[in-house]
Protein backbone atom coordinates (compact mmCIF):
# COMPACT_ATOMS: atom_id res chain seq x y z
CA MET A 1 1.32 -1.22 -30.11
CA SER A 2 -2.11 -0.28 -28.85
CA LEU A 3 -2.67 1.08 -25.37
CA ASP A 4 -4.54 -2.05 -24.24
CA VAL A 5 -1.62 -4.29 -25.21
CA LEU A 6 0.84 -2.04 -23.38
CA LYS A 7 -1.32 -2.07 -20.25
CA MET A 8 -1.55 -5.86 -20.46
CA ILE A 9 2.24 -6.08 -20.69
CA TYR A 10 2.55 -3.71 -17.72
CA TYR A 11 0.25 -5.82 -15.56
CA ALA A 12 1.95 -9.06 -16.62
CA TYR A 13 5.57 -8.03 -16.12
CA VAL A 14 5.72 -4.98 -13.86
CA HIS A 15 2.66 -4.96 -11.61
CA SER A 16 3.02 -8.63 -10.69
CA VAL A 17 6.63 -8.10 -9.58
CA ILE A 18 5.90 -4.86 -7.72
CA SER A 19 2.90 -6.20 -5.84
CA TYR A 20 4.59 -9.46 -4.75
CA GLY A 21 5.29 -9.16 -1.02
CA ILE A 22 4.77 -5.40 -1.02
CA ILE A 23 3.51 -5.41 2.57
CA PHE A 24 7.00 -6.51 3.65
CA TRP A 25 9.15 -4.15 1.57
CA GLY A 26 6.76 -1.30 0.72
CA ASN A 27 8.09 1.06 3.39
CA SER A 28 11.80 0.30 2.88
CA HIS A 29 14.28 2.73 1.40
CA PHE A 30 14.32 0.75 -1.88
CA SER A 31 10.70 1.63 -2.61
CA ASP A 32 11.63 5.14 -3.75
CA SER A 33 13.82 3.82 -6.57
CA ILE A 34 11.15 1.28 -7.55
CA PHE A 35 8.57 4.08 -7.64
CA LYS A 36 10.84 6.06 -9.99
CA VAL A 37 11.11 3.03 -12.28
CA GLN A 38 7.33 2.65 -12.22
CA LYS A 39 6.92 6.29 -13.22
CA ARG A 40 9.41 5.84 -16.06
CA ILE A 41 7.46 2.83 -17.34
CA ILE A 42 4.18 4.79 -17.19
CA ARG A 43 5.80 7.57 -19.22
CA VAL A 44 7.03 5.06 -21.81
CA ILE A 45 3.55 3.58 -22.12
CA SER A 46 2.01 7.01 -22.64
CA GLY A 47 4.79 8.31 -24.88
CA SER A 48 5.28 11.40 -22.72
CA GLY A 49 8.55 13.13 -21.89
CA ILE A 50 10.79 12.51 -18.90
CA TRP A 51 9.71 15.71 -17.13
CA ASP A 52 5.96 15.31 -17.64
CA PRO A 53 3.94 14.68 -14.47
CA CYS A 54 2.57 11.18 -13.95
CA ARG A 55 -0.42 11.80 -11.67
CA ASP A 56 -2.89 12.19 -14.53
CA LEU A 57 -1.32 9.24 -16.36
CA TYR A 58 -1.95 6.95 -13.37
CA ARG A 59 -5.59 8.05 -13.38
CA LYS A 60 -5.90 7.68 -17.15
CA PHE A 61 -4.52 4.14 -17.16
CA ARG A 62 -6.25 3.23 -13.86
CA ILE A 63 -3.00 2.04 -12.29
CA PHE A 64 -2.13 2.44 -8.63
CA PRO A 65 1.13 4.27 -7.89
CA LEU A 66 3.47 2.34 -5.61
CA PRO A 67 2.57 4.18 -2.36
CA SER A 68 -1.15 3.68 -3.01
CA LEU A 69 -0.56 0.03 -3.87
CA TYR A 70 1.30 -0.42 -0.57
CA ILE A 71 -1.51 1.17 1.45
CA PHE A 72 -4.15 -0.84 -0.40
CA SER A 73 -2.24 -4.10 0.19
CA LEU A 74 -1.89 -3.33 3.90
CA LEU A 75 -5.60 -2.63 4.25
CA VAL A 76 -6.51 -5.83 2.39
CA PHE A 77 -4.14 -7.77 4.68
CA VAL A 78 -5.74 -6.30 7.80
CA ASN A 79 -9.22 -7.01 6.47
CA LYS A 80 -8.41 -10.64 5.63
CA ASN A 81 -6.49 -11.35 8.85
CA GLY A 82 -8.62 -9.53 11.38
CA ASN A 83 -8.12 -12.33 13.91
CA CYS A 84 -4.39 -11.45 14.18
CA PHE A 85 -5.17 -7.98 15.51
CA THR A 86 -6.55 -6.84 18.85
CA SER A 87 -8.61 -3.73 19.39
CA ASN A 88 -8.06 -1.24 22.18
CA CYS A 89 -11.27 -2.33 23.93
CA GLU A 90 -9.79 -5.83 24.29
CA VAL A 91 -6.66 -4.44 25.96
CA HIS A 92 -8.39 -2.24 28.54
CA ASP A 93 -11.93 -1.66 29.80
CA PHE A 94 -12.03 2.12 29.43
CA ASN A 95 -14.64 3.45 27.05
CA THR A 96 -12.66 5.94 24.99
CA ARG A 97 -13.25 7.35 21.53
CA PHE A 98 -10.42 5.20 20.16
CA SER A 99 -11.57 1.96 21.79
CA GLN A 100 -12.51 0.42 18.43
CA ASN A 101 -9.11 1.19 16.86
CA LEU A 102 -6.56 -1.57 16.52
CA HIS A 103 -4.00 -1.80 19.31
CA LEU A 104 -0.44 -0.88 18.34
CA PRO A 105 2.29 -3.16 19.76
CA THR A 106 5.06 -1.35 21.67
CA THR A 107 7.87 -3.93 21.79
CA ASN A 108 10.92 -4.40 19.60
CA LEU A 109 9.41 -5.42 16.33
CA SER A 110 10.40 -8.28 14.04
CA LEU A 111 9.55 -8.18 10.33
CA VAL A 112 6.12 -9.75 10.78
CA GLN A 113 5.37 -7.51 13.78
CA ARG A 114 6.35 -4.46 11.69
CA VAL A 115 3.78 -5.52 9.09
CA LEU A 116 1.18 -5.90 11.84
CA PHE A 117 2.15 -2.50 13.28
CA SER A 118 2.05 -0.75 9.88
CA GLY A 119 -1.24 -2.44 9.04
CA SER A 120 -2.78 -1.42 12.36
CA LYS A 121 -1.57 2.15 12.04
CA THR A 122 -2.81 2.48 8.47
CA TYR A 123 -6.15 0.87 9.31
CA ASN A 124 -6.59 3.22 12.29
CA HIS A 125 -5.83 6.18 10.07
CA PHE A 126 -8.57 5.28 7.60
CA THR A 127 -11.25 4.29 10.10
CA PHE A 128 -13.05 6.98 12.01
CA GLU A 129 -16.27 7.38 13.91
CA TYR A 130 -18.93 9.98 13.32
């Protein structure tokens, strides 16, 4: 099969399953085994051996690895649902250098609150002021 057909099959069968609900299960202990399966599939598509590195293959095929897909999905979630998050300047009136960062909740976290916490933490990591 041609490379385009194999990539189309990957996106239809593998990527759709991996990306479904990834913001809820992306940081669980099962994600490591799913990442290994994704790497095995990438190696099968490229026809490379089991010990060949996959980093260049991900770039060549323009496919996100599972950790990058998780981070991207969290950032898209935070961007779309900005009204669910509070910034530090809304919590207190002090003008600090982190006042525009998202506020991190400090209570016992349910599943949805863990997604909000992970999203806030990831968003704060990627936003910075000059």
